[in-house]
Amino acid sequence: MDLIAPGDGILYWQLTTLAVGFGYFCFMIYALVDLIRSDFREQHMKLIWALMILFIPIIGTFLYLSMNRRTKNNFRKFTPDFSSHQTSKHIK
């Protein structure tokens, strides 16, 4: 009677769970490093985001990664400088 004994597929479930967990852990570490390196408009926002990432793990991490540009001071803007024209020589 093998009603409770795990089958051969349990290894695949464990490996899949490990891969998903590792992927989430990488997102969480990336969010925390980005949080530490960023400056925010309001001083308390860094603490609030850190608490959300640590205590509401899945929702807090993905909310930070998707919404943090609105509250940051130093987000990068694309401002190219096309004023200097370089002449290119044609190779014949």
PDB file of N, CA and C in Angstrom:
ATOM      1  N   MET A   1       0.825  -1.173   0.000  1.00  0.00           N
ATOM      2  CA  MET A   1       0.000   0.000   0.000  1.00  0.00           C
ATOM      3  C   MET A   1       0.877   1.247   0.000  1.00  0.00           C
ATOM      4  N   ASP A   2       0.903   1.949  -1.104  1.00  0.00           N
ATOM      5  CA  ASP A   2       1.747   3.128  -1.254  1.00  0.00           C
ATOM      6  C   ASP A   2       0.908   4.405  -1.327  1.00  0.00           C
ATOM      7  N   LEU A   3       0.023   4.585  -0.385  1.00  0.00           N
ATOM      8  CA  LEU A   3      -0.817   5.781  -0.415  1.00  0.00           C
ATOM      9  C   LEU A   3      -0.069   7.025   0.048  1.00  0.00           C
ATOM     10  N   ILE A   4       0.850   6.898   0.987  1.00  0.00           N
ATOM     11  CA  ILE A   4       1.542   8.049   1.540  1.00  0.00           C
ATOM     12  C   ILE A   4       2.979   8.146   1.036  1.00  0.00           C
ATOM     13  N   ALA A   5       3.538   7.066   0.573  1.00  0.00           N
ATOM     14  CA  ALA A   5       4.928   7.061   0.124  1.00  0.00           C
ATOM     15  C   ALA A   5       5.079   7.931  -1.122  1.00  0.00           C
ATOM     16  N   PRO A   6       6.147   8.756  -1.178  1.00  0.00           N
ATOM     17  CA  PRO A   6       6.352   9.599  -2.360  1.00  0.00           C
ATOM     18  C   PRO A   6       6.741   8.773  -3.573  1.00  0.00           C
ATOM     19  N   GLY A   7       6.328   9.226  -4.710  1.00  0.00           N
ATOM     20  CA  GLY A   7       6.655   8.538  -5.953  1.00  0.00           C
ATOM     21  C   GLY A   7       7.959   9.040  -6.540  1.00  0.00           C
ATOM     22  N   ASP A   8       8.213   8.692  -7.777  1.00  0.00           N
ATOM     23  CA  ASP A   8       9.443   9.110  -8.445  1.00  0.00           C
ATOM     24  C   ASP A   8       9.418  10.592  -8.835  1.00  0.00           C
ATOM     25  N   GLY A   9       8.263  11.194  -8.933  1.00  0.00           N
ATOM     26  CA  GLY A   9       8.153  12.587  -9.363  1.00  0.00           C
ATOM     27  C   GLY A   9       8.461  13.603  -8.285  1.00  0.00           C
ATOM     28  N   ILE A  10       8.657  13.143  -7.054  1.00  0.00           N
ATOM     29  CA  ILE A  10       8.906  14.096  -5.968  1.00  0.00           C
ATOM     30  C   ILE A  10      10.223  14.841  -6.173  1.00  0.00           C
ATOM     31  N   LEU A  11      11.206  14.227  -6.790  1.00  0.00           N
ATOM     32  CA  LEU A  11      12.488  14.885  -7.042  1.00  0.00           C
ATOM     33  C   LEU A  11      12.307  16.062  -8.001  1.00  0.00           C
ATOM     34  N   TYR A  12      11.470  15.901  -9.011  1.00  0.00           N
ATOM     35  CA  TYR A  12      11.221  16.992  -9.954  1.00  0.00           C
ATOM     36  C   TYR A  12      10.528  18.168  -9.268  1.00  0.00           C
ATOM     37  N   TRP A  13       9.566  17.885  -8.385  1.00  0.00           N
ATOM     38  CA  TRP A  13       8.896  18.951  -7.659  1.00  0.00           C
ATOM     39  C   TRP A  13       9.872  19.675  -6.744  1.00  0.00           C
ATOM     40  N   GLN A  14      10.751  18.930  -6.102  1.00  0.00           N
ATOM     41  CA  GLN A  14      11.725  19.554  -5.216  1.00  0.00           C
ATOM     42  C   GLN A  14      12.706  20.419  -5.995  1.00  0.00           C
ATOM     43  N   LEU A  15      13.173  19.940  -7.139  1.00  0.00           N
ATOM     44  CA  LEU A  15      14.099  20.733  -7.947  1.00  0.00           C
ATOM     45  C   LEU A  15      13.429  21.980  -8.517  1.00  0.00           C
ATOM     46  N   THR A  16      12.173  21.851  -8.927  1.00  0.00           N
ATOM     47  CA  THR A  16      11.433  23.003  -9.437  1.00  0.00           C
ATOM     48  C   THR A  16      11.223  24.039  -8.340  1.00  0.00           C
ATOM     49  N   THR A  17      10.861  23.577  -7.162  1.00  0.00           N
ATOM     50  CA  THR A  17      10.673  24.483  -6.029  1.00  0.00           C
ATOM     51  C   THR A  17      11.984  25.164  -5.658  1.00  0.00           C
ATOM     52  N   LEU A  18      13.073  24.425  -5.692  1.00  0.00           N
ATOM     53  CA  LEU A  18      14.382  25.000  -5.409  1.00  0.00           C
ATOM     54  C   LEU A  18      14.758  26.062  -6.451  1.00  0.00           C
ATOM     55  N   ALA A  19      14.496  25.800  -7.717  1.00  0.00           N
ATOM     56  CA  ALA A  19      14.820  26.757  -8.780  1.00  0.00           C
ATOM     57  C   ALA A  19      13.981  28.026  -8.650  1.00  0.00           C
ATOM     58  N   VAL A  20      12.698  27.877  -8.370  1.00  0.00           N
ATOM     59  CA  VAL A  20      11.831  29.049  -8.199  1.00  0.00           C
ATOM     60  C   VAL A  20      12.248  29.842  -6.963  1.00  0.00           C
ATOM     61  N   GLY A  21      12.568  29.151  -5.886  1.00  0.00           N
ATOM     62  CA  GLY A  21      13.012  29.813  -4.664  1.00  0.00           C
ATOM     63  C   GLY A  21      14.322  30.555  -4.868  1.00  0.00           C
ATOM     64  N   PHE A  22      15.250  29.954  -5.603  1.00  0.00           N
ATOM     65  CA  PHE A  22      16.523  30.610  -5.890  1.00  0.00           C
ATOM     66  C   PHE A  22      16.316  31.838  -6.773  1.00  0.00           C
ATOM     67  N   GLY A  23      15.419  31.735  -7.751  1.00  0.00           N
ATOM     68  CA  GLY A  23      15.109  32.883  -8.608  1.00  0.00           C
ATOM     69  C   GLY A  23      14.516  34.024  -7.815  1.00  0.00           C
ATOM     70  N   TYR A  24      13.594  33.714  -6.913  1.00  0.00           N
ATOM     71  CA  TYR A  24      13.015  34.760  -6.074  1.00  0.00           C
ATOM     72  C   TYR A  24      14.071  35.359  -5.156  1.00  0.00           C
ATOM     73  N   PHE A  25      14.938  34.523  -4.589  1.00  0.00           N
ATOM     74  CA  PHE A  25      16.001  35.010  -3.711  1.00  0.00           C
ATOM     75  C   PHE A  25      16.906  35.987  -4.454  1.00  0.00           C
ATOM     76  N   CYS A  26      17.206  35.701  -5.714  1.00  0.00           N
ATOM     77  CA  CYS A  26      18.024  36.613  -6.518  1.00  0.00           C
ATOM     78  C   CYS A  26      17.312  37.953  -6.727  1.00  0.00           C
ATOM     79  N   PHE A  27      15.994  37.917  -7.004  1.00  0.00           N
ATOM     80  CA  PHE A  27      15.223  39.157  -7.143  1.00  0.00           C
ATOM     81  C   PHE A  27      15.240  39.951  -5.839  1.00  0.00           C
ATOM     82  N   MET A  28      15.111  39.269  -4.717  1.00  0.00           N
ATOM     83  CA  MET A  28      15.081  39.939  -3.432  1.00  0.00           C
ATOM     84  C   MET A  28      16.434  40.585  -3.122  1.00  0.00           C
ATOM     85  N   ILE A  29      17.529  39.889  -3.388  1.00  0.00           N
ATOM     86  CA  ILE A  29      18.860  40.460  -3.164  1.00  0.00           C
ATOM     87  C   ILE A  29      19.081  41.657  -4.084  1.00  0.00           C
ATOM     88  N   TYR A  30      18.660  41.542  -5.349  1.00  0.00           N
ATOM     89  CA  TYR A  30      18.780  42.672  -6.284  1.00  0.00           C
ATOM     90  C   TYR A  30      17.993  43.879  -5.777  1.00  0.00           C
ATOM     91  N   ALA A  31      16.780  43.656  -5.284  1.00  0.00           N
ATOM     92  CA  ALA A  31      15.955  44.751  -4.779  1.00  0.00           C
ATOM     93  C   ALA A  31      16.594  45.393  -3.549  1.00  0.00           C
ATOM     94  N   LEU A  32      17.159  44.595  -2.657  1.00  0.00           N
ATOM     95  CA  LEU A  32      17.788  45.155  -1.469  1.00  0.00           C
ATOM     96  C   LEU A  32      19.052  45.945  -1.807  1.00  0.00           C
ATOM     97  N   VAL A  33      19.849  45.446  -2.744  1.00  0.00           N
ATOM     98  CA  VAL A  33      21.052  46.179  -3.158  1.00  0.00           C
ATOM     99  C   VAL A  33      20.667  47.487  -3.837  1.00  0.00           C
ATOM    100  N   ASP A  34      19.653  47.444  -4.696  1.00  0.00           N
ATOM    101  CA  ASP A  34      19.177  48.657  -5.351  1.00  0.00           C
ATOM    102  C   ASP A  34      18.621  49.640  -4.324  1.00  0.00           C
ATOM    103  N   LEU A  35      17.951  49.135  -3.321  1.00  0.00           N
ATOM    104  CA  LEU A  35      17.400  49.975  -2.262  1.00  0.00           C
ATOM    105  C   LEU A  35      18.512  50.684  -1.487  1.00  0.00           C
ATOM    106  N   ILE A  36      19.581  49.963  -1.181  1.00  0.00           N
ATOM    107  CA  ILE A  36      20.685  50.551  -0.424  1.00  0.00           C
ATOM    108  C   ILE A  36      21.402  51.621  -1.235  1.00  0.00           C
ATOM    109  N   ARG A  37      21.542  51.414  -2.525  1.00  0.00           N
ATOM    110  CA  ARG A  37      22.295  52.345  -3.371  1.00  0.00           C
ATOM    111  C   ARG A  37      21.473  53.554  -3.821  1.00  0.00           C
ATOM    112  N   SER A  38      20.184  53.578  -3.578  1.00  0.00           N
ATOM    113  CA  SER A  38      19.309  54.628  -4.104  1.00  0.00           C
ATOM    114  C   SER A  38      19.079  55.739  -3.099  1.00  0.00           C
ATOM    115  N   ASP A  39      18.801  56.921  -3.637  1.00  0.00           N
ATOM    116  CA  ASP A  39      18.371  58.059  -2.835  1.00  0.00           C
ATOM    117  C   ASP A  39      16.903  58.316  -3.152  1.00  0.00           C
ATOM    118  N   PHE A  40      16.131  58.583  -2.109  1.00  0.00           N
ATOM    119  CA  PHE A  40      14.706  58.791  -2.280  1.00  0.00           C
ATOM    120  C   PHE A  40      14.343  60.237  -1.990  1.00  0.00           C
ATOM    121  N   ARG A  41      13.200  60.662  -2.479  1.00  0.00           N
ATOM    122  CA  ARG A  41      12.742  62.034  -2.269  1.00  0.00           C
ATOM    123  C   ARG A  41      12.439  62.288  -0.796  1.00  0.00           C
ATOM    124  N   GLU A  42      11.860  61.298  -0.142  1.00  0.00           N
ATOM    125  CA  GLU A  42      11.544  61.419   1.276  1.00  0.00           C
ATOM    126  C   GLU A  42      12.444  60.473   2.059  1.00  0.00           C
ATOM    127  N   GLN A  43      12.885  60.883   3.233  1.00  0.00           N
ATOM    128  CA  GLN A  43      13.866  60.122   3.988  1.00  0.00           C
ATOM    129  C   GLN A  43      13.326  58.797   4.493  1.00  0.00           C
ATOM    130  N   HIS A  44      12.083  58.731   4.856  1.00  0.00           N
ATOM    131  CA  HIS A  44      11.531  57.513   5.442  1.00  0.00           C
ATOM    132  C   HIS A  44      11.175  56.450   4.403  1.00  0.00           C
ATOM    133  N   MET A  45      11.216  56.766   3.130  1.00  0.00           N
ATOM    134  CA  MET A  45      10.816  55.811   2.097  1.00  0.00           C
ATOM    135  C   MET A  45      11.757  54.602   2.032  1.00  0.00           C
ATOM    136  N   LYS A  46      13.036  54.803   2.292  1.00  0.00           N
ATOM    137  CA  LYS A  46      13.981  53.693   2.260  1.00  0.00           C
ATOM    138  C   LYS A  46      13.630  52.670   3.340  1.00  0.00           C
ATOM    139  N   LEU A  47      13.291  53.139   4.526  1.00  0.00           N
ATOM    140  CA  LEU A  47      12.902  52.238   5.611  1.00  0.00           C
ATOM    141  C   LEU A  47      11.597  51.510   5.291  1.00  0.00           C
ATOM    142  N   ILE A  48      10.649  52.219   4.740  1.00  0.00           N
ATOM    143  CA  ILE A  48       9.367  51.600   4.395  1.00  0.00           C
ATOM    144  C   ILE A  48       9.558  50.517   3.335  1.00  0.00           C
ATOM    145  N   TRP A  49      10.350  50.801   2.294  1.00  0.00           N
ATOM    146  CA  TRP A  49      10.589  49.797   1.260  1.00  0.00           C
ATOM    147  C   TRP A  49      11.349  48.599   1.817  1.00  0.00           C
ATOM    148  N   ALA A  50      12.322  48.841   2.694  1.00  0.00           N
ATOM    149  CA  ALA A  50      13.074  47.721   3.282  1.00  0.00           C
ATOM    150  C   ALA A  50      12.161  46.823   4.102  1.00  0.00           C
ATOM    151  N   LEU A  51      11.279  47.413   4.871  1.00  0.00           N
ATOM    152  CA  LEU A  51      10.339  46.613   5.656  1.00  0.00           C
ATOM    153  C   LEU A  51       9.379  45.831   4.759  1.00  0.00           C
ATOM    154  N   MET A  52       8.940  46.456   3.682  1.00  0.00           N
ATOM    155  CA  MET A  52       8.044  45.749   2.763  1.00  0.00           C
ATOM    156  C   MET A  52       8.749  44.582   2.079  1.00  0.00           C
ATOM    157  N   ILE A  53       9.995  44.782   1.673  1.00  0.00           N
ATOM    158  CA  ILE A  53      10.733  43.708   1.001  1.00  0.00           C
ATOM    159  C   ILE A  53      10.993  42.553   1.956  1.00  0.00           C
ATOM    160  N   LEU A  54      11.319  42.867   3.205  1.00  0.00           N
ATOM    161  CA  LEU A  54      11.679  41.815   4.155  1.00  0.00           C
ATOM    162  C   LEU A  54      10.476  41.120   4.789  1.00  0.00           C
ATOM    163  N   PHE A  55       9.398  41.868   5.079  1.00  0.00           N
ATOM    164  CA  PHE A  55       8.283  41.279   5.812  1.00  0.00           C
ATOM    165  C   PHE A  55       7.084  40.900   4.948  1.00  0.00           C
ATOM    166  N   ILE A  56       7.004  41.412   3.751  1.00  0.00           N
ATOM    167  CA  ILE A  56       5.984  40.988   2.793  1.00  0.00           C
ATOM    168  C   ILE A  56       6.755  40.539   1.552  1.00  0.00           C
ATOM    169  N   PRO A  57       7.415  39.398   1.616  1.00  0.00           N
ATOM    170  CA  PRO A  57       8.467  39.073   0.656  1.00  0.00           C
ATOM    171  C   PRO A  57       8.057  39.112  -0.812  1.00  0.00           C
ATOM    172  N   ILE A  58       7.108  38.357  -1.226  1.00  0.00           N
ATOM    173  CA  ILE A  58       6.817  38.258  -2.661  1.00  0.00           C
ATOM    174  C   ILE A  58       6.198  39.553  -3.174  1.00  0.00           C
ATOM    175  N   ILE A  59       5.199  40.047  -2.489  1.00  0.00           N
ATOM    176  CA  ILE A  59       4.513  41.261  -2.939  1.00  0.00           C
ATOM    177  C   ILE A  59       5.422  42.481  -2.808  1.00  0.00           C
ATOM    178  N   GLY A  60       6.146  42.599  -1.681  1.00  0.00           N
ATOM    179  CA  GLY A  60       7.000  43.753  -1.449  1.00  0.00           C
ATOM    180  C   GLY A  60       8.130  43.872  -2.453  1.00  0.00           C
ATOM    181  N   THR A  61       8.752  42.740  -2.791  1.00  0.00           N
ATOM    182  CA  THR A  61       9.864  42.763  -3.748  1.00  0.00           C
ATOM    183  C   THR A  61       9.406  43.208  -5.118  1.00  0.00           C
ATOM    184  N   PHE A  62       8.333  42.622  -5.615  1.00  0.00           N
ATOM    185  CA  PHE A  62       7.887  42.966  -6.959  1.00  0.00           C
ATOM    186  C   PHE A  62       7.243  44.348  -7.016  1.00  0.00           C
ATOM    187  N   LEU A  63       6.637  44.798  -5.921  1.00  0.00           N
ATOM    188  CA  LEU A  63       6.148  46.180  -5.890  1.00  0.00           C
ATOM    189  C   LEU A  63       7.306  47.162  -5.933  1.00  0.00           C
ATOM    190  N   TYR A  64       8.368  46.885  -5.178  1.00  0.00           N
ATOM    191  CA  TYR A  64       9.530  47.777  -5.195  1.00  0.00           C
ATOM    192  C   TYR A  64      10.156  47.835  -6.579  1.00  0.00           C
ATOM    193  N   LEU A  65      10.323  46.680  -7.197  1.00  0.00           N
ATOM    194  CA  LEU A  65      10.964  46.663  -8.508  1.00  0.00           C
ATOM    195  C   LEU A  65      10.105  47.331  -9.577  1.00  0.00           C
ATOM    196  N   SER A  66       8.800  47.364  -9.398  1.00  0.00           N
ATOM    197  CA  SER A  66       7.948  47.962 -10.419  1.00  0.00           C
ATOM    198  C   SER A  66       7.593  49.424 -10.126  1.00  0.00           C
ATOM    199  N   MET A  67       7.578  49.844  -8.868  1.00  0.00           N
ATOM    200  CA  MET A  67       7.096  51.182  -8.535  1.00  0.00           C
ATOM    201  C   MET A  67       8.157  52.109  -7.970  1.00  0.00           C
ATOM    202  N   ASN A  68       9.375  51.682  -7.799  1.00  0.00           N
ATOM    203  CA  ASN A  68      10.339  52.505  -7.085  1.00  0.00           C
ATOM    204  C   ASN A  68      10.832  53.699  -7.895  1.00  0.00           C
ATOM    205  N   ARG A  69      10.721  53.715  -9.182  1.00  0.00           N
ATOM    206  CA  ARG A  69      11.216  54.841  -9.987  1.00  0.00           C
ATOM    207  C   ARG A  69      10.421  56.112  -9.715  1.00  0.00           C
ATOM    208  N   ARG A  70       9.203  55.986  -9.258  1.00  0.00           N
ATOM    209  CA  ARG A  70       8.393  57.166  -8.982  1.00  0.00           C
ATOM    210  C   ARG A  70       8.838  57.887  -7.713  1.00  0.00           C
ATOM    211  N   THR A  71       9.458  57.160  -6.792  1.00  0.00           N
ATOM    212  CA  THR A  71       9.832  57.767  -5.520  1.00  0.00           C
ATOM    213  C   THR A  71      11.313  58.081  -5.413  1.00  0.00           C
ATOM    214  N   LYS A  72      12.093  57.749  -6.431  1.00  0.00           N
ATOM    215  CA  LYS A  72      13.537  57.979  -6.378  1.00  0.00           C
ATOM    216  C   LYS A  72      13.891  59.362  -6.891  1.00  0.00           C
ATOM    217  N   ASN A  73      15.009  59.881  -6.411  1.00  0.00           N
ATOM    218  CA  ASN A  73      15.540  61.151  -6.889  1.00  0.00           C
ATOM    219  C   ASN A  73      16.370  60.983  -8.141  1.00  0.00           C
ATOM    220  N   ASN A  74      17.163  59.932  -8.187  1.00  0.00           N
ATOM    221  CA  ASN A  74      18.214  59.837  -9.196  1.00  0.00           C
ATOM    222  C   ASN A  74      17.947  58.761 -10.235  1.00  0.00           C
ATOM    223  N   PHE A  75      16.758  58.711 -10.770  1.00  0.00           N
ATOM    224  CA  PHE A  75      16.572  57.747 -11.839  1.00  0.00           C
ATOM    225  C   PHE A  75      17.144  58.319 -13.125  1.00  0.00           C
ATOM    226  N   ARG A  76      17.680  57.437 -13.940  1.00  0.00           N
ATOM    227  CA  ARG A  76      18.391  57.877 -15.137  1.00  0.00           C
ATOM    228  C   ARG A  76      17.419  58.282 -16.238  1.00  0.00           C
ATOM    229  N   LYS A  77      17.731  59.369 -16.890  1.00  0.00           N
ATOM    230  CA  LYS A  77      16.960  59.815 -18.042  1.00  0.00           C
ATOM    231  C   LYS A  77      17.845  59.719 -19.269  1.00  0.00           C
ATOM    232  N   PHE A  78      17.261  59.404 -20.374  1.00  0.00           N
ATOM    233  CA  PHE A  78      18.007  59.292 -21.618  1.00  0.00           C
ATOM    234  C   PHE A  78      18.103  60.671 -22.236  1.00  0.00           C
ATOM    235  N   THR A  79      19.290  61.257 -22.185  1.00  0.00           N
ATOM    236  CA  THR A  79      19.528  62.580 -22.760  1.00  0.00           C
ATOM    237  C   THR A  79      20.762  62.510 -23.652  1.00  0.00           C
ATOM    238  N   PRO A  80      20.599  62.099 -24.882  1.00  0.00           N
ATOM    239  CA  PRO A  80      21.756  62.005 -25.766  1.00  0.00           C
ATOM    240  C   PRO A  80      22.218  63.378 -26.226  1.00  0.00           C
ATOM    241  N   ASP A  81      23.492  63.471 -26.567  1.00  0.00           N
ATOM    242  CA  ASP A  81      24.073  64.719 -27.045  1.00  0.00           C
ATOM    243  C   ASP A  81      24.450  64.518 -28.513  1.00  0.00           C
ATOM    244  N   PHE A  82      23.634  65.072 -29.397  1.00  0.00           N
ATOM    245  CA  PHE A  82      23.871  64.937 -30.832  1.00  0.00           C
ATOM    246  C   PHE A  82      24.499  66.191 -31.430  1.00  0.00           C
ATOM    247  N   SER A  83      24.994  67.081 -30.591  1.00  0.00           N
ATOM    248  CA  SER A  83      25.523  68.339 -31.105  1.00  0.00           C
ATOM    249  C   SER A  83      26.872  68.176 -31.796  1.00  0.00           C
ATOM    250  N   SER A  84      27.660  67.208 -31.393  1.00  0.00           N
ATOM    251  CA  SER A  84      28.965  67.025 -32.036  1.00  0.00           C
ATOM    252  C   SER A  84      28.822  66.016 -33.168  1.00  0.00           C
ATOM    253  N   HIS A  85      29.107  66.477 -34.371  1.00  0.00           N
ATOM    254  CA  HIS A  85      29.013  65.617 -35.549  1.00  0.00           C
ATOM    255  C   HIS A  85      30.396  65.111 -35.895  1.00  0.00           C
ATOM    256  N   GLN A  86      30.515  63.848 -36.063  1.00  0.00           N
ATOM    257  CA  GLN A  86      31.790  63.261 -36.455  1.00  0.00           C
ATOM    258  C   GLN A  86      31.684  62.861 -37.922  1.00  0.00           C
ATOM    259  N   THR A  87      32.720  63.170 -38.647  1.00  0.00           N
ATOM    260  CA  THR A  87      32.734  62.780 -40.058  1.00  0.00           C
ATOM    261  C   THR A  87      33.323  61.393 -40.159  1.00  0.00           C
ATOM    262  N   SER A  88      32.711  60.598 -40.936  1.00  0.00           N
ATOM    263  CA  SER A  88      33.212  59.237 -41.106  1.00  0.00           C
ATOM    264  C   SER A  88      33.877  59.127 -42.471  1.00  0.00           C
ATOM    265  N   LYS A  89      34.952  58.433 -42.521  1.00  0.00           N
ATOM    266  CA  LYS A  89      35.676  58.227 -43.780  1.00  0.00           C
ATOM    267  C   LYS A  89      35.187  56.925 -44.380  1.00  0.00           C
ATOM    268  N   HIS A  90      34.899  57.000 -45.643  1.00  0.00           N
ATOM    269  CA  HIS A  90      34.443  55.803 -46.350  1.00  0.00           C
ATOM    270  C   HIS A  90      35.640  54.978 -46.772  1.00  0.00           C
ATOM    271  N   ILE A  91      35.558  53.718 -46.558  1.00  0.00           N
ATOM    272  CA  ILE A  91      36.643  52.818 -46.962  1.00  0.00           C
ATOM    273  C   ILE A  91      36.343  52.326 -48.373  1.00  0.00           C
ATOM    274  N   LYS A  92      37.307  52.521 -49.259  1.00  0.00           N
ATOM    275  CA  LYS A  92      37.106  52.099 -50.652  1.00  0.00           C
ATOM    276  C   LYS A  92      37.986  50.936 -50.981  1.00  0.00           C
TER     277      LYS A  92
END
